[in-house]
Amino acid sequence: MHLGGGVVDIQAGWYHTCALLENGAIKCVGSNLFGQLGIGSDAKSKGTIPQELGPMLPSIRLGSCTSECVACGSLSFCSIESNNTVKCNQCTRCSDSEFVSSTCAQFSDGVCGDCLASSCPAGWFRGGCGADGPGSCQRCSMCPEGSFKTQGCLQRSDTQCSQCKVCNETEYEESECGEFSNRTCGSCEDLPCAEGLVRTDCGLGNIGSCSDPSTLTTTPDPRSIQNFPLAMILGLLFACASQNSIE
């Protein structure tokens, strides 16, 4: 590989390689995903084709910096101290509430931006903010009918909803389903009535009422005829026919 000069030292990083030349310059080839080639370019790679080598490959001059600089890994950057010594520094890692404003390069640390520094209008939240970038303002969701909010819309998260409870056949509604509260149901058996009265029509959320048993009418179940034996039904029909013929 022609780098445009004699090589004094060479070091391999993460998918990239850097070489110290006789003239004190450093030239790097390979992946530049994190700016590790130190060439200030947006190119994802450099030096992978012949047209990018030799004098066409940009060099990095660090003055008194030695080949120690090229040994820094992809998650670190090189700096020259006041006594002209070289130091490899760990790249800053952005927290969950930050995004990468600029990537850590070979000779400069990364910069993190605050996800909450740029607020969104009322009724909106910032979604997608993190390692991939600052995200964008998105409209808060509304809970559908029959559900309530378990969490309101926050600066970085959307509204969270849950289905309202449904009272069963033996329960009545104690409190309705509100914007931030679930429906509560009570047992019909726990509802008292005055002596001599019984509770009717309680269940499926209805509280029912207390009634006098003597005033209640029982509606025959039309399905009950299915429980009679066929012989009994035929006998009743025959008796009715015989009575009519006698008359």
Protein backbone atom coordinates (compact mmCIF):
# COMPACT_ATOMS: atom_id res chain seq x y z
CA MET A 1 0.00 0.00 0.00
CA HIS A 2 1.51 3.31 -1.11
CA LEU A 3 1.06 6.04 1.54
CA GLY A 4 3.40 8.64 0.00
CA GLY A 5 6.45 8.12 2.21
CA GLY A 6 8.47 5.72 4.33
CA VAL A 7 6.63 4.16 7.26
CA VAL A 8 8.20 4.41 10.73
CA ASP A 9 5.40 2.79 12.75
CA ILE A 10 1.99 1.33 12.09
CA GLN A 11 -0.95 0.62 14.41
CA ALA A 12 -4.30 -1.05 13.80
CA GLY A 13 -7.53 0.22 15.32
CA TRP A 14 -11.14 -0.88 14.94
CA TYR A 15 -11.61 -1.42 11.18
CA HIS A 16 -8.93 1.17 10.44
CA THR A 17 -5.13 1.39 10.34
CA CYS A 18 -2.84 4.38 10.89
CA ALA A 19 0.84 4.76 9.98
CA LEU A 20 3.49 7.22 11.17
CA LEU A 21 5.63 8.38 8.23
CA GLU A 22 9.26 9.47 8.20
CA ASN A 23 8.26 13.13 7.85
CA GLY A 24 6.20 12.99 11.07
CA ALA A 25 2.84 12.87 9.35
CA ILE A 26 0.20 10.27 10.11
CA LYS A 27 -1.99 8.74 7.41
CA CYS A 28 -4.96 6.50 8.16
CA VAL A 29 -7.04 4.21 5.99
CA GLY A 30 -10.17 2.16 6.57
CA SER A 31 -13.48 2.90 8.28
CA ASN A 32 -14.27 6.50 9.20
CA LEU A 33 -17.69 5.80 10.72
CA PHE A 34 -16.77 7.54 13.97
CA GLY A 35 -14.31 10.02 12.46
CA GLN A 36 -11.41 7.84 13.62
CA LEU A 37 -9.31 8.66 10.54
CA GLY A 38 -8.94 12.25 11.79
CA ILE A 39 -9.37 13.77 8.33
CA GLY A 40 -12.43 15.88 9.05
CA SER A 41 -14.38 14.19 6.30
CA ASP A 42 -17.92 12.84 6.19
CA ALA A 43 -16.70 9.89 4.15
CA LYS A 44 -17.52 6.53 5.73
CA SER A 45 -14.16 5.14 4.60
CA LYS A 46 -10.89 6.30 3.00
CA GLY A 47 -7.99 4.63 1.23
CA THR A 48 -9.94 1.58 0.11
CA ILE A 49 -9.29 2.23 -3.61
CA PRO A 50 -5.99 3.11 -5.38
CA GLN A 51 -7.25 6.59 -6.33
CA GLU A 52 -7.39 7.52 -2.62
CA LEU A 53 -3.82 6.45 -1.76
CA GLY A 54 -0.42 8.11 -2.07
CA PRO A 55 -0.53 11.91 -2.34
CA MET A 56 -4.35 11.76 -2.58
CA LEU A 57 -4.58 10.41 0.97
CA PRO A 58 -4.71 13.35 3.43
CA SER A 59 -2.18 13.31 6.26
CA ILE A 60 -2.42 14.45 9.84
CA ARG A 61 0.45 16.50 11.26
CA LEU A 62 0.81 16.51 15.02
CA GLY A 63 4.13 18.30 15.46
CA SER A 64 5.98 16.53 18.29
CA CYS A 65 3.30 13.85 18.61
CA THR A 66 4.70 10.33 18.28
CA SER A 67 3.23 7.11 16.99
CA GLU A 68 1.52 6.58 20.34
CA CYS A 69 -1.34 8.62 18.91
CA VAL A 70 -2.19 6.09 16.27
CA ALA A 71 -2.57 3.38 18.91
CA CYS A 72 -5.70 4.96 20.40
CA GLY A 73 -8.74 2.75 19.82
CA SER A 74 -12.00 3.66 18.10
CA LEU A 75 -13.70 4.63 21.38
CA SER A 76 -10.92 7.00 22.42
CA PHE A 77 -9.23 10.12 21.07
CA CYS A 78 -5.67 11.44 21.14
CA SER A 79 -4.56 14.66 22.84
CA ILE A 80 -1.17 16.35 23.32
CA GLU A 81 -0.47 17.38 26.90
CA SER A 82 1.34 20.57 27.97
CA ASN A 83 4.63 18.64 28.28
CA ASN A 84 4.27 17.41 24.67
CA THR A 85 3.37 13.90 25.74
CA VAL A 86 0.58 12.02 24.02
CA LYS A 87 -2.49 10.80 25.89
CA CYS A 88 -5.33 8.52 24.79
CA ASN A 89 -8.63 9.66 26.30
CA GLN A 90 -11.87 7.72 26.59
CA CYS A 91 -14.61 9.14 24.39
CA THR A 92 -17.54 10.69 26.23
CA ARG A 93 -20.56 8.37 26.32
CA CYS A 94 -23.91 10.10 26.06
CA SER A 95 -26.53 9.20 28.67
CA ASP A 96 -30.09 8.04 27.96
CA SER A 97 -31.30 11.65 28.16
CA GLU A 98 -28.69 12.87 25.64
CA PHE A 99 -27.98 12.48 21.94
CA VAL A 100 -24.71 12.54 19.99
CA SER A 101 -24.29 16.08 18.70
CA SER A 102 -20.85 15.34 17.18
CA THR A 103 -19.01 12.04 17.10
CA CYS A 104 -15.76 11.29 18.87
CA ALA A 105 -12.94 11.60 16.30
CA GLN A 106 -9.29 10.62 16.39
CA PHE A 107 -8.19 13.94 17.89
CA SER A 108 -11.36 15.35 19.43
CA ASP A 109 -13.91 14.16 21.95
CA GLY A 110 -17.58 13.68 21.13
CA VAL A 111 -20.22 16.21 22.18
CA CYS A 112 -23.57 15.29 23.71
CA GLY A 113 -26.77 17.32 23.42
CA ASP A 114 -29.53 17.42 26.02
CA CYS A 115 -32.80 15.85 24.81
CA LEU A 116 -34.77 18.18 27.07
CA ALA A 117 -32.94 21.36 26.06
CA SER A 118 -35.27 21.84 23.10
CA SER A 119 -38.86 21.73 24.36
CA CYS A 120 -41.96 20.86 22.33
CA PRO A 121 -45.28 22.78 22.29
CA ALA A 122 -48.09 21.82 24.65
CA GLY A 123 -49.75 18.59 23.57
CA TRP A 124 -46.53 17.32 21.94
CA PHE A 125 -43.57 15.22 23.16
CA ARG A 126 -40.03 14.65 21.87
CA GLY A 127 -39.77 11.13 20.47
CA GLY A 128 -36.75 9.23 19.17
CA CYS A 129 -34.17 11.30 21.06
CA GLY A 130 -31.06 9.32 22.01
CA ALA A 131 -28.09 7.69 20.34
CA ASP A 132 -29.60 8.14 16.85
CA GLY A 133 -30.11 11.90 17.15
CA PRO A 134 -32.24 14.63 18.72
CA GLY A 135 -35.52 13.08 17.56
CA SER A 136 -38.55 15.21 16.74
CA CYS A 137 -41.70 16.67 18.29
CA GLN A 138 -44.67 14.30 17.98
CA ARG A 139 -48.32 14.88 18.89
CA CYS A 140 -49.51 13.24 22.13
CA SER A 141 -51.93 10.35 21.63
CA MET A 142 -55.51 10.37 22.93
CA CYS A 143 -56.83 7.35 24.81
CA PRO A 144 -59.63 5.57 22.89
CA GLU A 145 -63.14 5.30 24.30
CA GLY A 146 -63.40 2.70 27.07
CA SER A 147 -59.86 3.29 28.37
CA PHE A 148 -58.08 5.59 30.83
CA LYS A 149 -54.62 7.15 31.12
CA THR A 150 -52.05 5.29 33.19
CA GLN A 151 -49.48 7.97 32.31
CA GLY A 152 -49.93 11.41 30.88
CA CYS A 153 -47.92 12.72 27.93
CA LEU A 154 -44.46 13.68 29.22
CA GLN A 155 -41.53 15.58 27.67
CA ARG A 156 -40.01 12.42 26.16
CA SER A 157 -42.81 9.83 26.23
CA ASP A 158 -46.30 9.51 24.78
CA THR A 159 -49.57 8.94 26.67
CA GLN A 160 -50.02 5.44 28.10
CA CYS A 161 -53.56 3.98 28.15
CA SER A 162 -55.25 0.93 29.66
CA GLN A 163 -58.66 -0.69 29.08
CA CYS A 164 -61.38 0.16 31.62
CA LYS A 165 -62.57 -2.66 33.87
CA VAL A 166 -65.98 -4.18 33.01
CA CYS A 167 -68.26 -5.24 35.90
CA ASN A 168 -69.49 -8.83 35.62
CA GLU A 169 -73.00 -10.25 36.15
CA THR A 170 -72.70 -10.18 39.95
CA GLU A 171 -71.11 -6.72 40.27
CA TYR A 172 -72.29 -3.13 40.26
CA GLU A 173 -70.30 0.02 39.42
CA GLU A 174 -68.88 1.75 42.50
CA SER A 175 -66.97 4.45 40.58
CA GLU A 176 -66.88 5.19 36.87
CA CYS A 177 -63.86 5.02 34.58
CA GLY A 178 -62.30 8.51 34.50
CA GLU A 179 -59.50 10.16 32.57
CA PHE A 180 -56.83 8.91 34.99
CA SER A 181 -58.76 6.31 37.03
CA ASN A 182 -60.09 2.84 36.35
CA ARG A 183 -63.67 1.72 37.03
CA THR A 184 -64.22 -0.04 40.37
CA CYS A 185 -66.89 -2.69 40.88
CA GLY A 186 -68.56 -4.00 44.03
CA SER A 187 -70.31 -7.28 44.77
CA CYS A 188 -74.12 -7.24 44.60
CA GLU A 189 -74.17 -9.53 47.65
CA ASP A 190 -72.66 -6.76 49.76
CA LEU A 191 -75.58 -4.37 49.12
CA PRO A 192 -78.05 -4.45 52.01
CA CYS A 193 -81.85 -4.26 51.79
CA ALA A 194 -84.43 -3.64 54.51
CA GLU A 195 -85.91 -6.68 56.23
CA GLY A 196 -88.29 -8.55 53.98
CA LEU A 197 -86.95 -7.03 50.78
CA VAL A 198 -84.61 -8.50 48.16
CA ARG A 199 -82.29 -6.81 45.66
CA THR A 200 -83.17 -7.28 42.03
CA ASP A 201 -81.63 -6.31 38.67
CA CYS A 202 -78.13 -5.93 40.18
CA GLY A 203 -75.14 -6.80 37.99
CA LEU A 204 -73.26 -5.78 34.84
CA GLY A 205 -72.61 -2.40 36.47
CA ASN A 206 -76.22 -1.79 37.53
CA ILE A 207 -76.93 -1.32 41.25
CA GLY A 208 -80.52 -2.58 41.00
CA SER A 209 -83.12 -1.91 43.71
CA CYS A 210 -84.75 -3.46 46.77
CA SER A 211 -88.17 -5.02 46.07
CA ASP A 212 -90.94 -6.89 47.91
CA PRO A 213 -90.70 -10.56 46.83
CA SER A 214 -94.52 -10.86 46.80
CA THR A 215 -94.76 -8.26 44.05
CA LEU A 216 -92.30 -10.01 41.79
CA THR A 217 -93.61 -12.03 38.84
CA THR A 218 -91.73 -14.96 37.48
CA THR A 219 -91.54 -15.22 33.72
CA PRO A 220 -91.53 -18.86 32.61
CA ASP A 221 -88.45 -19.94 30.80
CA PRO A 222 -89.49 -20.94 27.27
CA ARG A 223 -86.69 -23.44 27.29
CA SER A 224 -88.31 -25.35 30.18
CA ILE A 225 -90.68 -27.18 27.81
CA GLN A 226 -87.62 -28.93 26.45
CA ASN A 227 -87.22 -30.61 29.83
CA PHE A 228 -90.65 -32.36 29.65
CA PRO A 229 -90.58 -35.98 28.39
CA LEU A 230 -92.21 -36.44 25.00
CA ALA A 231 -94.70 -38.96 26.44
CA MET A 232 -95.95 -36.39 28.98
CA ILE A 233 -96.49 -33.78 26.30
CA LEU A 234 -98.41 -36.25 24.11
CA GLY A 235 -100.48 -37.28 27.11
CA LEU A 236 -101.48 -33.70 27.83
CA LEU A 237 -102.44 -33.15 24.20
CA PHE A 238 -104.54 -36.35 24.20
CA ALA A 239 -106.31 -35.31 27.40
CA CYS A 240 -107.19 -31.92 25.96
CA ALA A 241 -108.51 -33.51 22.77
CA SER A 242 -110.62 -35.99 24.73
CA GLN A 243 -112.12 -33.23 26.89
CA ASN A 244 -113.10 -31.27 23.79
CA SER A 245 -114.78 -34.27 22.20
CA ILE A 246 -116.86 -34.94 25.34
CA GLU A 247 -118.11 -31.39 25.44
